[in-house]
Amino acid sequence: MMSRSSLDGSLAQFFPGHRRYPPGDGATTNSPPPYRNRALSIRSGGKSKSSSAGGAVGRTGFSFNSLRGTVQPELSRKLFRLIKSENNLITAHETAGRERISIAQQLSEWGEQTGDDSISDVSDKVGVILSEIGEQEDAYAHALDDSRGLLKTIRNTEKSVQPSRDGKAKIADEIAKLKMKEPESAKLVVLEQELVRAEAENLVAEAQLTNITRLKLKEAYEAEFAATIERAEKQIILAKHGRRLLGLLDVTPVVPGDARQPYAGGQQARQVLNDCEDDLRDWQPDHEESYTDTVEDQSAAAKGKNKETLDDEANLKADETAAGTGGTRTVEVGP
């Protein structure tokens, strides 16, 4: 009979993820399997075939977070997934900001080791610009996280409303079943009273849900769009000053043997960074406010115009009615 160790060794040749115990470990059958691939223990339907064919690449491991979406109430399940996707987006922007700062540092270090004064200074100053762009990306990620927090308020309210809906539906089902089995049962009166109370509680919960949903949805995406505008406009400021720095770099070709003119743009480069800092400090989020005001003004103007149109139509009908009545009286008093 083949021993357990030799069996595990044979399986390990065909399934690299399968190894019950560490090599050379004389573990007994009661020992836990520390090297077991837990992803192989979860059935994923058709995905298991594709994951087996593709090897371990792209295989999703087991985690309790992957199960949280399945235990959410039906009402809040979609928003739960949206909020989780927002978290992935925030992580991506934070990663992009860190990578941008790292690239800026590497650019500065590379420029220094070239031995060229102009390249060294310009690359260092451009690195400052790129680093600030990375900081803006991180600030944008924090703003997205604040917006995500407002969406969580809607999700939590949805979760609190779900039991009210379920309770009302459960009582209604009990009444329907009892009417089929015992139409004259005295319990029907009690259940109908419970249903009235459940409907009243659900009515209050539904009203709260719609109020909170509208308010927090508007606040969440107003915050996100404001952060998007700020990030875009500040990055435009940084990019424009970055192009000013690149303009200080002399790219005129030199003939072999000739010396290039000494770099004299150090003072200008420092001034560019000072101007950039001043522009970022002076930036104000006025565009977002003016856009909101414009939309509200247009909406109010449209409502006023519609009201004037209705008033004109009402006056016209009144005039026509008065004219018709006057003509009838003339006919009556005639010979």
C-alpha atoms as a PDB file:
ATOM      1  CA  MET A   1       0.000   0.000   0.000  1.00  0.00           C
ATOM      2  CA  MET A   2       1.276   3.475  -0.898  1.00  0.00           C
ATOM      3  CA  SER A   3       2.199   5.583   2.126  1.00  0.00           C
ATOM      4  CA  ARG A   4       0.614   9.013   2.763  1.00  0.00           C
ATOM      5  CA  SER A   5       3.878  10.833   2.205  1.00  0.00           C
ATOM      6  CA  SER A   6       4.471   9.161  -1.151  1.00  0.00           C
ATOM      7  CA  LEU A   7       0.866   9.886  -2.160  1.00  0.00           C
ATOM      8  CA  ASP A   8       1.246  13.536  -1.304  1.00  0.00           C
ATOM      9  CA  GLY A   9       4.518  13.623  -3.235  1.00  0.00           C
ATOM     10  CA  SER A  10       2.823  12.130  -6.291  1.00  0.00           C
ATOM     11  CA  LEU A  11      -0.019  14.624  -6.127  1.00  0.00           C
ATOM     12  CA  ALA A  12       2.423  17.470  -5.700  1.00  0.00           C
ATOM     13  CA  GLN A  13       3.962  16.618  -9.085  1.00  0.00           C
ATOM     14  CA  PHE A  14       0.657  17.194 -10.873  1.00  0.00           C
ATOM     15  CA  PHE A  15      -0.874  19.832  -8.551  1.00  0.00           C
ATOM     16  CA  PRO A  16       1.825  22.214  -7.326  1.00  0.00           C
ATOM     17  CA  GLY A  17      -0.648  23.817  -4.929  1.00  0.00           C
ATOM     18  CA  HIS A  18      -1.274  20.533  -3.189  1.00  0.00           C
ATOM     19  CA  ARG A  19       1.035  19.802  -0.279  1.00  0.00           C
ATOM     20  CA  ARG A  20      -0.540  18.752   2.950  1.00  0.00           C
ATOM     21  CA  TYR A  21       2.592  19.124   5.050  1.00  0.00           C
ATOM     22  CA  PRO A  22       5.948  20.821   4.677  1.00  0.00           C
ATOM     23  CA  PRO A  23       8.634  18.659   3.070  1.00  0.00           C
ATOM     24  CA  GLY A  24      10.518  16.540   5.582  1.00  0.00           C
ATOM     25  CA  ASP A  25       7.980  17.215   8.302  1.00  0.00           C
ATOM     26  CA  GLY A  26       6.927  14.117  10.160  1.00  0.00           C
ATOM     27  CA  ALA A  27       3.450  15.506  10.898  1.00  0.00           C
ATOM     28  CA  THR A  28       0.763  13.146  12.039  1.00  0.00           C
ATOM     29  CA  THR A  29      -2.724  12.868  10.576  1.00  0.00           C
ATOM     30  CA  ASN A  30      -4.053  15.176  13.303  1.00  0.00           C
ATOM     31  CA  SER A  31      -1.735  18.031  12.343  1.00  0.00           C
ATOM     32  CA  PRO A  32      -3.292  21.041  10.533  1.00  0.00           C
ATOM     33  CA  PRO A  33      -2.492  21.491   6.820  1.00  0.00           C
ATOM     34  CA  PRO A  34      -0.627  24.820   6.844  1.00  0.00           C
ATOM     35  CA  TYR A  35       0.223  24.748   3.132  1.00  0.00           C
ATOM     36  CA  ARG A  36      -3.215  23.835   1.848  1.00  0.00           C
ATOM     37  CA  ASN A  37      -4.511  26.068  -0.939  1.00  0.00           C
ATOM     38  CA  ARG A  38      -7.837  27.223   0.465  1.00  0.00           C
ATOM     39  CA  ALA A  39      -9.010  28.492  -2.954  1.00  0.00           C
ATOM     40  CA  LEU A  40      -9.251  24.863  -4.071  1.00  0.00           C
ATOM     41  CA  SER A  41     -11.766  24.201  -1.292  1.00  0.00           C
ATOM     42  CA  ILE A  42     -14.360  26.696  -2.533  1.00  0.00           C
ATOM     43  CA  ARG A  43     -16.545  25.672  -5.458  1.00  0.00           C
ATOM     44  CA  SER A  44     -16.943  28.438  -8.005  1.00  0.00           C
ATOM     45  CA  GLY A  45     -18.965  26.685 -10.712  1.00  0.00           C
ATOM     46  CA  GLY A  46     -17.635  27.215 -14.192  1.00  0.00           C
ATOM     47  CA  LYS A  47     -14.764  29.309 -12.929  1.00  0.00           C
ATOM     48  CA  SER A  48     -12.995  26.267 -11.466  1.00  0.00           C
ATOM     49  CA  LYS A  49     -12.324  24.829 -14.904  1.00  0.00           C
ATOM     50  CA  SER A  50     -10.864  28.003 -16.251  1.00  0.00           C
ATOM     51  CA  SER A  51      -8.736  28.499 -13.138  1.00  0.00           C
ATOM     52  CA  SER A  52      -7.444  24.933 -13.353  1.00  0.00           C
ATOM     53  CA  ALA A  53      -6.533  25.392 -16.998  1.00  0.00           C
ATOM     54  CA  GLY A  54      -4.833  28.708 -16.367  1.00  0.00           C
ATOM     55  CA  GLY A  55      -2.876  27.590 -13.307  1.00  0.00           C
ATOM     56  CA  ALA A  56      -2.617  29.654 -10.186  1.00  0.00           C
ATOM     57  CA  VAL A  57      -2.493  32.957 -12.098  1.00  0.00           C
ATOM     58  CA  GLY A  58      -5.589  35.084 -11.462  1.00  0.00           C
ATOM     59  CA  ARG A  59      -7.032  32.709  -8.866  1.00  0.00           C
ATOM     60  CA  THR A  60      -8.894  34.506  -6.120  1.00  0.00           C
ATOM     61  CA  GLY A  61      -8.098  33.295  -2.613  1.00  0.00           C
ATOM     62  CA  PHE A  62     -10.516  32.825   0.211  1.00  0.00           C
ATOM     63  CA  SER A  63     -11.359  35.799   2.388  1.00  0.00           C
ATOM     64  CA  PHE A  64     -14.176  36.761   4.683  1.00  0.00           C
ATOM     65  CA  ASN A  65     -14.563  40.020   2.766  1.00  0.00           C
ATOM     66  CA  SER A  66     -15.544  38.037  -0.325  1.00  0.00           C
ATOM     67  CA  LEU A  67     -18.474  36.583   1.628  1.00  0.00           C
ATOM     68  CA  ARG A  68     -19.773  39.833   3.097  1.00  0.00           C
ATOM     69  CA  GLY A  69     -21.640  40.769  -0.067  1.00  0.00           C
ATOM     70  CA  THR A  70     -23.668  37.558   0.031  1.00  0.00           C
ATOM     71  CA  VAL A  71     -24.978  38.176   3.558  1.00  0.00           C
ATOM     72  CA  GLN A  72     -26.160  41.733   2.895  1.00  0.00           C
ATOM     73  CA  PRO A  73     -29.912  42.408   2.793  1.00  0.00           C
ATOM     74  CA  GLU A  74     -31.352  42.395  -0.715  1.00  0.00           C
ATOM     75  CA  LEU A  75     -32.173  46.096  -0.520  1.00  0.00           C
ATOM     76  CA  SER A  76     -28.596  47.195   0.245  1.00  0.00           C
ATOM     77  CA  ARG A  77     -26.660  44.562  -1.734  1.00  0.00           C
ATOM     78  CA  LYS A  78     -26.102  46.614  -4.893  1.00  0.00           C
ATOM     79  CA  LEU A  79     -24.994  49.693  -2.988  1.00  0.00           C
ATOM     80  CA  PHE A  80     -22.679  47.531  -0.882  1.00  0.00           C
ATOM     81  CA  ARG A  81     -20.944  46.375  -4.062  1.00  0.00           C
ATOM     82  CA  LEU A  82     -20.735  49.938  -5.355  1.00  0.00           C
ATOM     83  CA  ILE A  83     -19.123  51.127  -2.128  1.00  0.00           C
ATOM     84  CA  LYS A  84     -16.664  48.240  -2.280  1.00  0.00           C
ATOM     85  CA  SER A  85     -15.750  49.191  -5.865  1.00  0.00           C
ATOM     86  CA  GLU A  86     -15.296  52.795  -4.721  1.00  0.00           C
ATOM     87  CA  ASN A  87     -12.787  51.526  -2.167  1.00  0.00           C
ATOM     88  CA  ASN A  88     -10.821  49.838  -4.952  1.00  0.00           C
ATOM     89  CA  LEU A  89     -10.870  53.116  -6.891  1.00  0.00           C
ATOM     90  CA  ILE A  90      -9.570  55.031  -3.878  1.00  0.00           C
ATOM     91  CA  THR A  91      -6.756  52.517  -3.429  1.00  0.00           C
ATOM     92  CA  ALA A  92      -5.829  52.902  -7.100  1.00  0.00           C
ATOM     93  CA  HIS A  93      -5.567  56.700  -6.787  1.00  0.00           C
ATOM     94  CA  GLU A  94      -3.495  56.395  -3.611  1.00  0.00           C
ATOM     95  CA  THR A  95      -1.173  53.986  -5.401  1.00  0.00           C
ATOM     96  CA  ALA A  96      -0.931  56.340  -8.395  1.00  0.00           C
ATOM     97  CA  GLY A  97       0.005  59.209  -6.073  1.00  0.00           C
ATOM     98  CA  ARG A  98       2.745  57.188  -4.366  1.00  0.00           C
ATOM     99  CA  GLU A  99       4.122  56.020  -7.708  1.00  0.00           C
ATOM    100  CA  ARG A 100       4.170  59.572  -9.028  1.00  0.00           C
ATOM    101  CA  ILE A 101       6.152  60.755  -5.998  1.00  0.00           C
ATOM    102  CA  SER A 102       8.559  57.831  -6.399  1.00  0.00           C
ATOM    103  CA  ILE A 103       9.056  58.652 -10.087  1.00  0.00           C
ATOM    104  CA  ALA A 104       9.739  62.271  -9.207  1.00  0.00           C
ATOM    105  CA  GLN A 105      12.463  61.211  -6.785  1.00  0.00           C
ATOM    106  CA  GLN A 106      14.024  58.884  -9.331  1.00  0.00           C
ATOM    107  CA  LEU A 107      13.993  61.602 -11.983  1.00  0.00           C
ATOM    108  CA  SER A 108      15.799  64.003  -9.673  1.00  0.00           C
ATOM    109  CA  GLU A 109      18.432  61.391  -8.765  1.00  0.00           C
ATOM    110  CA  TRP A 110      18.992  60.479 -12.404  1.00  0.00           C
ATOM    111  CA  GLY A 111      19.411  64.122 -13.438  1.00  0.00           C
ATOM    112  CA  GLU A 112      22.003  64.657 -10.727  1.00  0.00           C
ATOM    113  CA  GLN A 113      24.158  61.764 -11.897  1.00  0.00           C
ATOM    114  CA  THR A 114      24.224  62.994 -15.526  1.00  0.00           C
ATOM    115  CA  GLY A 115      26.809  65.648 -14.655  1.00  0.00           C
ATOM    116  CA  ASP A 116      24.965  68.220 -16.789  1.00  0.00           C
ATOM    117  CA  ASP A 117      24.054  71.323 -14.755  1.00  0.00           C
ATOM    118  CA  SER A 118      21.021  72.207 -16.865  1.00  0.00           C
ATOM    119  CA  ILE A 119      19.614  68.665 -16.859  1.00  0.00           C
ATOM    120  CA  SER A 120      20.329  68.309 -13.155  1.00  0.00           C
ATOM    121  CA  ASP A 121      18.524  71.519 -12.203  1.00  0.00           C
ATOM    122  CA  VAL A 122      15.566  71.162 -14.569  1.00  0.00           C
ATOM    123  CA  SER A 123      14.991  67.506 -13.694  1.00  0.00           C
ATOM    124  CA  ASP A 124      15.091  68.370 -10.004  1.00  0.00           C
ATOM    125  CA  LYS A 125      12.539  71.158 -10.423  1.00  0.00           C
ATOM    126  CA  VAL A 126      10.321  69.020 -12.674  1.00  0.00           C
ATOM    127  CA  GLY A 127      10.524  66.368  -9.984  1.00  0.00           C
ATOM    128  CA  VAL A 128       9.075  68.882  -7.529  1.00  0.00           C
ATOM    129  CA  ILE A 129       6.169  69.492  -9.920  1.00  0.00           C
ATOM    130  CA  LEU A 130       5.564  65.765 -10.380  1.00  0.00           C
ATOM    131  CA  SER A 131       5.714  65.202  -6.646  1.00  0.00           C
ATOM    132  CA  GLU A 132       3.057  67.845  -6.106  1.00  0.00           C
ATOM    133  CA  ILE A 133       0.891  66.178  -8.756  1.00  0.00           C
ATOM    134  CA  GLY A 134       1.217  62.994  -6.726  1.00  0.00           C
ATOM    135  CA  GLU A 135       0.133  64.854  -3.599  1.00  0.00           C
ATOM    136  CA  GLN A 136      -2.930  66.129  -5.449  1.00  0.00           C
ATOM    137  CA  GLU A 137      -3.767  62.559  -6.394  1.00  0.00           C
ATOM    138  CA  ASP A 138      -3.608  61.546  -2.745  1.00  0.00           C
ATOM    139  CA  ALA A 139      -5.813  64.478  -1.723  1.00  0.00           C
ATOM    140  CA  TYR A 140      -8.301  63.420  -4.392  1.00  0.00           C
ATOM    141  CA  ALA A 141      -8.345  59.912  -2.962  1.00  0.00           C
ATOM    142  CA  HIS A 142      -9.184  61.317   0.491  1.00  0.00           C
ATOM    143  CA  ALA A 143     -12.032  63.351  -1.029  1.00  0.00           C
ATOM    144  CA  LEU A 144     -13.376  60.201  -2.700  1.00  0.00           C
ATOM    145  CA  ASP A 145     -13.242  58.466   0.662  1.00  0.00           C
ATOM    146  CA  ASP A 146     -15.361  61.247   2.188  1.00  0.00           C
ATOM    147  CA  SER A 147     -17.873  60.857  -0.650  1.00  0.00           C
ATOM    148  CA  ARG A 148     -17.906  57.112  -0.060  1.00  0.00           C
ATOM    149  CA  GLY A 149     -18.744  57.714   3.584  1.00  0.00           C
ATOM    150  CA  LEU A 150     -21.919  59.548   2.547  1.00  0.00           C
ATOM    151  CA  LEU A 151     -22.966  56.591   0.404  1.00  0.00           C
ATOM    152  CA  LYS A 152     -22.510  54.373   3.453  1.00  0.00           C
ATOM    153  CA  THR A 153     -25.218  56.394   5.186  1.00  0.00           C
ATOM    154  CA  ILE A 154     -27.654  55.406   2.432  1.00  0.00           C
ATOM    155  CA  ARG A 155     -26.557  51.772   2.668  1.00  0.00           C
ATOM    156  CA  ASN A 156     -27.039  51.679   6.428  1.00  0.00           C
ATOM    157  CA  THR A 157     -30.505  53.181   6.073  1.00  0.00           C
ATOM    158  CA  GLU A 158     -31.392  50.585   3.457  1.00  0.00           C
ATOM    159  CA  LYS A 159     -30.246  47.843   5.806  1.00  0.00           C
ATOM    160  CA  SER A 160     -32.477  49.239   8.567  1.00  0.00           C
ATOM    161  CA  VAL A 161     -35.516  49.400   6.268  1.00  0.00           C
ATOM    162  CA  GLN A 162     -35.193  45.820   5.013  1.00  0.00           C
ATOM    163  CA  PRO A 163     -36.477  44.182   8.261  1.00  0.00           C
ATOM    164  CA  SER A 164     -39.535  46.451   8.146  1.00  0.00           C
ATOM    165  CA  ARG A 165     -40.325  45.313   4.608  1.00  0.00           C
ATOM    166  CA  ASP A 166     -39.726  41.683   5.467  1.00  0.00           C
ATOM    167  CA  GLY A 167     -41.928  41.889   8.571  1.00  0.00           C
ATOM    168  CA  LYS A 168     -44.824  43.413   6.650  1.00  0.00           C
ATOM    169  CA  ALA A 169     -44.515  40.834   3.873  1.00  0.00           C
ATOM    170  CA  LYS A 170     -44.365  37.983   6.394  1.00  0.00           C
ATOM    171  CA  ILE A 171     -47.570  39.069   8.130  1.00  0.00           C
ATOM    172  CA  ALA A 172     -49.323  39.502   4.769  1.00  0.00           C
ATOM    173  CA  ASP A 173     -48.304  35.956   3.774  1.00  0.00           C
ATOM    174  CA  GLU A 174     -49.593  34.556   7.076  1.00  0.00           C
ATOM    175  CA  ILE A 175     -52.934  36.279   6.555  1.00  0.00           C
ATOM    176  CA  ALA A 176     -53.218  34.930   2.992  1.00  0.00           C
ATOM    177  CA  LYS A 177     -52.447  31.364   4.112  1.00  0.00           C
ATOM    178  CA  LEU A 178     -54.850  31.552   7.056  1.00  0.00           C
ATOM    179  CA  LYS A 179     -57.668  32.858   4.846  1.00  0.00           C
ATOM    180  CA  MET A 180     -57.233  29.825   2.604  1.00  0.00           C
ATOM    181  CA  LYS A 181     -57.186  27.313   5.469  1.00  0.00           C
ATOM    182  CA  GLU A 182     -59.412  28.904   8.126  1.00  0.00           C
ATOM    183  CA  PRO A 183     -61.355  31.886   6.747  1.00  0.00           C
ATOM    184  CA  GLU A 184     -63.322  32.267  10.012  1.00  0.00           C
ATOM    185  CA  SER A 185     -60.302  32.037  12.314  1.00  0.00           C
ATOM    186  CA  ALA A 186     -60.178  34.551  15.164  1.00  0.00           C
ATOM    187  CA  LYS A 187     -56.458  34.892  14.601  1.00  0.00           C
ATOM    188  CA  LEU A 188     -57.149  36.834  11.399  1.00  0.00           C
ATOM    189  CA  VAL A 189     -58.237  39.884  13.389  1.00  0.00           C
ATOM    190  CA  VAL A 190     -55.010  39.863  15.392  1.00  0.00           C
ATOM    191  CA  LEU A 191     -52.880  39.438  12.269  1.00  0.00           C
ATOM    192  CA  GLU A 192     -54.689  42.227  10.460  1.00  0.00           C
ATOM    193  CA  GLN A 193     -54.042  44.562  13.392  1.00  0.00           C
ATOM    194  CA  GLU A 194     -50.374  43.580  13.332  1.00  0.00           C
ATOM    195  CA  LEU A 195     -50.320  44.231   9.587  1.00  0.00           C
ATOM    196  CA  VAL A 196     -51.721  47.733  10.112  1.00  0.00           C
ATOM    197  CA  ARG A 197     -48.992  48.480  12.657  1.00  0.00           C
ATOM    198  CA  ALA A 198     -46.304  46.971  10.398  1.00  0.00           C
ATOM    199  CA  GLU A 199     -47.510  49.049   7.437  1.00  0.00           C
ATOM    200  CA  ALA A 200     -47.414  52.211   9.551  1.00  0.00           C
ATOM    201  CA  GLU A 201     -43.867  51.472  10.720  1.00  0.00           C
ATOM    202  CA  ASN A 202     -42.799  50.651   7.190  1.00  0.00           C
ATOM    203  CA  LEU A 203     -44.343  53.861   5.891  1.00  0.00           C
ATOM    204  CA  VAL A 204     -42.205  55.902   8.284  1.00  0.00           C
ATOM    205  CA  ALA A 205     -39.082  53.898   7.409  1.00  0.00           C
ATOM    206  CA  GLU A 206     -39.677  54.264   3.662  1.00  0.00           C
ATOM    207  CA  ALA A 207     -40.133  58.023   3.993  1.00  0.00           C
ATOM    208  CA  GLN A 208     -36.891  58.272   5.955  1.00  0.00           C
ATOM    209  CA  LEU A 209     -35.125  56.165   3.342  1.00  0.00           C
ATOM    210  CA  THR A 210     -36.190  58.295   0.390  1.00  0.00           C
ATOM    211  CA  ASN A 211     -35.296  61.530   2.218  1.00  0.00           C
ATOM    212  CA  ILE A 212     -31.843  60.311   3.248  1.00  0.00           C
ATOM    213  CA  THR A 213     -31.189  58.744  -0.157  1.00  0.00           C
ATOM    214  CA  ARG A 214     -31.877  61.951  -2.058  1.00  0.00           C
ATOM    215  CA  LEU A 215     -29.915  64.125   0.347  1.00  0.00           C
ATOM    216  CA  LYS A 216     -26.847  61.911   0.714  1.00  0.00           C
ATOM    217  CA  LEU A 217     -26.715  61.021  -2.981  1.00  0.00           C
ATOM    218  CA  LYS A 218     -26.583  64.703  -3.853  1.00  0.00           C
ATOM    219  CA  GLU A 219     -24.011  65.474  -1.157  1.00  0.00           C
ATOM    220  CA  ALA A 220     -21.812  62.500  -2.101  1.00  0.00           C
ATOM    221  CA  TYR A 221     -21.477  63.311  -5.773  1.00  0.00           C
ATOM    222  CA  GLU A 222     -21.357  67.051  -5.259  1.00  0.00           C
ATOM    223  CA  ALA A 223     -18.301  66.393  -3.088  1.00  0.00           C
ATOM    224  CA  GLU A 224     -16.805  64.044  -5.678  1.00  0.00           C
ATOM    225  CA  PHE A 225     -17.353  66.441  -8.581  1.00  0.00           C
ATOM    226  CA  ALA A 226     -15.952  69.345  -6.565  1.00  0.00           C
ATOM    227  CA  ALA A 227     -12.859  67.271  -5.786  1.00  0.00           C
ATOM    228  CA  THR A 228     -12.570  66.299  -9.459  1.00  0.00           C
ATOM    229  CA  ILE A 229     -12.672  69.955 -10.512  1.00  0.00           C
ATOM    230  CA  GLU A 230     -10.084  70.907  -7.891  1.00  0.00           C
ATOM    231  CA  ARG A 231      -7.759  68.078  -8.887  1.00  0.00           C
ATOM    232  CA  ALA A 232      -8.071  68.873 -12.589  1.00  0.00           C
ATOM    233  CA  GLU A 233      -7.534  72.619 -12.263  1.00  0.00           C
ATOM    234  CA  LYS A 234      -4.615  72.279  -9.872  1.00  0.00           C
ATOM    235  CA  GLN A 235      -2.974  69.704 -12.120  1.00  0.00           C
ATOM    236  CA  ILE A 236      -3.411  72.104 -15.029  1.00  0.00           C
ATOM    237  CA  ILE A 237      -1.609  74.768 -13.005  1.00  0.00           C
ATOM    238  CA  LEU A 238       1.207  72.347 -12.207  1.00  0.00           C
ATOM    239  CA  ALA A 239       1.478  71.140 -15.798  1.00  0.00           C
ATOM    240  CA  LYS A 240       1.701  74.675 -17.178  1.00  0.00           C
ATOM    241  CA  HIS A 241       4.512  75.593 -14.798  1.00  0.00           C
ATOM    242  CA  GLY A 242       6.196  72.288 -15.605  1.00  0.00           C
ATOM    243  CA  ARG A 243       6.237  73.294 -19.266  1.00  0.00           C
ATOM    244  CA  ARG A 244       7.794  76.626 -18.266  1.00  0.00           C
ATOM    245  CA  LEU A 245      10.596  74.684 -16.604  1.00  0.00           C
ATOM    246  CA  LEU A 246      11.169  72.599 -19.715  1.00  0.00           C
ATOM    247  CA  GLY A 247      11.452  75.832 -21.706  1.00  0.00           C
ATOM    248  CA  LEU A 248      14.623  76.653 -19.737  1.00  0.00           C
ATOM    249  CA  LEU A 249      16.375  73.590 -21.156  1.00  0.00           C
ATOM    250  CA  ASP A 250      18.550  74.440 -24.164  1.00  0.00           C
ATOM    251  CA  VAL A 251      18.013  71.730 -26.773  1.00  0.00           C
ATOM    252  CA  THR A 252      20.077  73.370 -29.540  1.00  0.00           C
ATOM    253  CA  PRO A 253      22.305  70.683 -31.123  1.00  0.00           C
ATOM    254  CA  VAL A 254      26.049  71.148 -30.649  1.00  0.00           C
ATOM    255  CA  VAL A 255      28.780  70.142 -33.020  1.00  0.00           C
ATOM    256  CA  PRO A 256      31.142  67.504 -31.644  1.00  0.00           C
ATOM    257  CA  GLY A 257      34.020  69.241 -29.930  1.00  0.00           C
ATOM    258  CA  ASP A 258      32.089  72.455 -29.195  1.00  0.00           C
ATOM    259  CA  ALA A 259      31.159  73.379 -25.626  1.00  0.00           C
ATOM    260  CA  ARG A 260      27.556  74.145 -24.736  1.00  0.00           C
ATOM    261  CA  GLN A 261      26.716  77.484 -23.204  1.00  0.00           C
ATOM    262  CA  PRO A 262      26.767  77.443 -19.394  1.00  0.00           C
ATOM    263  CA  TYR A 263      23.388  76.976 -17.744  1.00  0.00           C
ATOM    264  CA  ALA A 264      21.991  80.262 -16.472  1.00  0.00           C
ATOM    265  CA  GLY A 265      18.385  79.365 -15.704  1.00  0.00           C
ATOM    266  CA  GLY A 266      18.726  78.509 -12.041  1.00  0.00           C
ATOM    267  CA  GLN A 267      17.102  81.717 -10.813  1.00  0.00           C
ATOM    268  CA  GLN A 268      14.293  81.451 -13.356  1.00  0.00           C
ATOM    269  CA  ALA A 269      13.606  77.847 -12.367  1.00  0.00           C
ATOM    270  CA  ARG A 270      13.268  78.841  -8.718  1.00  0.00           C
ATOM    271  CA  GLN A 271      10.920  81.650  -9.708  1.00  0.00           C
ATOM    272  CA  VAL A 272       8.762  79.205 -11.660  1.00  0.00           C
ATOM    273  CA  LEU A 273       8.330  77.079  -8.537  1.00  0.00           C
ATOM    274  CA  ASN A 274       7.467  80.174  -6.500  1.00  0.00           C
ATOM    275  CA  ASP A 275       4.858  81.197  -9.073  1.00  0.00           C
ATOM    276  CA  CYS A 276       3.432  77.700  -9.040  1.00  0.00           C
ATOM    277  CA  GLU A 277       3.159  77.734  -5.263  1.00  0.00           C
ATOM    278  CA  ASP A 278       1.410  81.119  -5.348  1.00  0.00           C
ATOM    279  CA  ASP A 279      -1.083  79.950  -7.988  1.00  0.00           C
ATOM    280  CA  LEU A 280      -1.952  76.836  -6.003  1.00  0.00           C
ATOM    281  CA  ARG A 281      -2.404  78.870  -2.846  1.00  0.00           C
ATOM    282  CA  ASP A 282      -4.631  81.423  -4.607  1.00  0.00           C
ATOM    283  CA  TRP A 283      -6.858  78.809  -6.224  1.00  0.00           C
ATOM    284  CA  GLN A 284     -10.520  79.063  -5.216  1.00  0.00           C
ATOM    285  CA  PRO A 285     -13.378  76.626  -5.962  1.00  0.00           C
ATOM    286  CA  ASP A 286     -15.588  79.283  -7.565  1.00  0.00           C
ATOM    287  CA  HIS A 287     -16.437  77.346 -10.756  1.00  0.00           C
ATOM    288  CA  GLU A 288     -18.391  74.643  -8.943  1.00  0.00           C
ATOM    289  CA  GLU A 289     -20.504  77.190  -7.051  1.00  0.00           C
ATOM    290  CA  SER A 290     -21.280  79.279 -10.129  1.00  0.00           C
ATOM    291  CA  TYR A 291     -22.315  76.157 -12.053  1.00  0.00           C
ATOM    292  CA  THR A 292     -24.723  75.115  -9.281  1.00  0.00           C
ATOM    293  CA  ASP A 293     -26.184  78.609  -9.144  1.00  0.00           C
ATOM    294  CA  THR A 294     -26.649  78.630 -12.922  1.00  0.00           C
ATOM    295  CA  VAL A 295     -28.531  75.339 -12.882  1.00  0.00           C
ATOM    296  CA  GLU A 296     -30.791  76.504 -10.052  1.00  0.00           C
ATOM    297  CA  ASP A 297     -31.466  79.827 -11.832  1.00  0.00           C
ATOM    298  CA  GLN A 298     -32.352  78.024 -15.062  1.00  0.00           C
ATOM    299  CA  SER A 299     -34.707  75.700 -13.166  1.00  0.00           C
ATOM    300  CA  ALA A 300     -36.425  78.620 -11.423  1.00  0.00           C
ATOM    301  CA  ALA A 301     -36.755  80.513 -14.714  1.00  0.00           C
ATOM    302  CA  ALA A 302     -38.304  77.469 -16.378  1.00  0.00           C
ATOM    303  CA  LYS A 303     -40.833  77.094 -13.564  1.00  0.00           C
ATOM    304  CA  GLY A 304     -41.715  80.791 -13.814  1.00  0.00           C
ATOM    305  CA  LYS A 305     -42.180  80.551 -17.566  1.00  0.00           C
ATOM    306  CA  ASN A 306     -44.438  77.526 -17.233  1.00  0.00           C
ATOM    307  CA  LYS A 307     -46.548  79.343 -14.650  1.00  0.00           C
ATOM    308  CA  GLU A 308     -46.929  82.373 -16.945  1.00  0.00           C
ATOM    309  CA  THR A 309     -48.008  80.102 -19.805  1.00  0.00           C
ATOM    310  CA  LEU A 310     -50.668  78.457 -17.632  1.00  0.00           C
ATOM    311  CA  ASP A 311     -51.940  81.859 -16.450  1.00  0.00           C
ATOM    312  CA  ASP A 312     -52.214  83.094 -20.052  1.00  0.00           C
ATOM    313  CA  GLU A 313     -54.163  80.016 -21.075  1.00  0.00           C
ATOM    314  CA  ALA A 314     -56.518  80.419 -18.114  1.00  0.00           C
ATOM    315  CA  ASN A 315     -57.161  84.099 -18.948  1.00  0.00           C
ATOM    316  CA  LEU A 316     -57.800  83.231 -22.592  1.00  0.00           C
ATOM    317  CA  LYS A 317     -60.404  80.606 -21.634  1.00  0.00           C
ATOM    318  CA  ALA A 318     -62.071  83.088 -19.291  1.00  0.00           C
ATOM    319  CA  ASP A 319     -62.326  85.703 -22.070  1.00  0.00           C
ATOM    320  CA  GLU A 320     -63.800  83.154 -24.479  1.00  0.00           C
ATOM    321  CA  THR A 321     -66.380  82.099 -21.901  1.00  0.00           C
ATOM    322  CA  ALA A 322     -67.358  85.696 -21.185  1.00  0.00           C
ATOM    323  CA  ALA A 323     -67.706  86.463 -24.914  1.00  0.00           C
ATOM    324  CA  GLY A 324     -69.926  83.435 -25.487  1.00  0.00           C
ATOM    325  CA  THR A 325     -72.196  84.369 -22.581  1.00  0.00           C
ATOM    326  CA  GLY A 326     -72.559  87.933 -23.836  1.00  0.00           C
ATOM    327  CA  GLY A 327     -73.602  86.789 -27.304  1.00  0.00           C
ATOM    328  CA  THR A 328     -76.319  84.529 -25.882  1.00  0.00           C
ATOM    329  CA  ARG A 329     -77.856  87.405 -23.906  1.00  0.00           C
ATOM    330  CA  THR A 330     -78.053  89.539 -27.032  1.00  0.00           C
ATOM    331  CA  VAL A 331     -80.066  86.887 -28.820  1.00  0.00           C
ATOM    332  CA  GLU A 332     -82.460  86.543 -25.874  1.00  0.00           C
ATOM    333  CA  VAL A 333     -83.338  90.257 -25.665  1.00  0.00           C
ATOM    334  CA  GLY A 334     -83.795  90.718 -29.406  1.00  0.00           C
ATOM    335  CA  PRO A 335     -87.243  90.813 -31.155  1.00  0.00           C
END
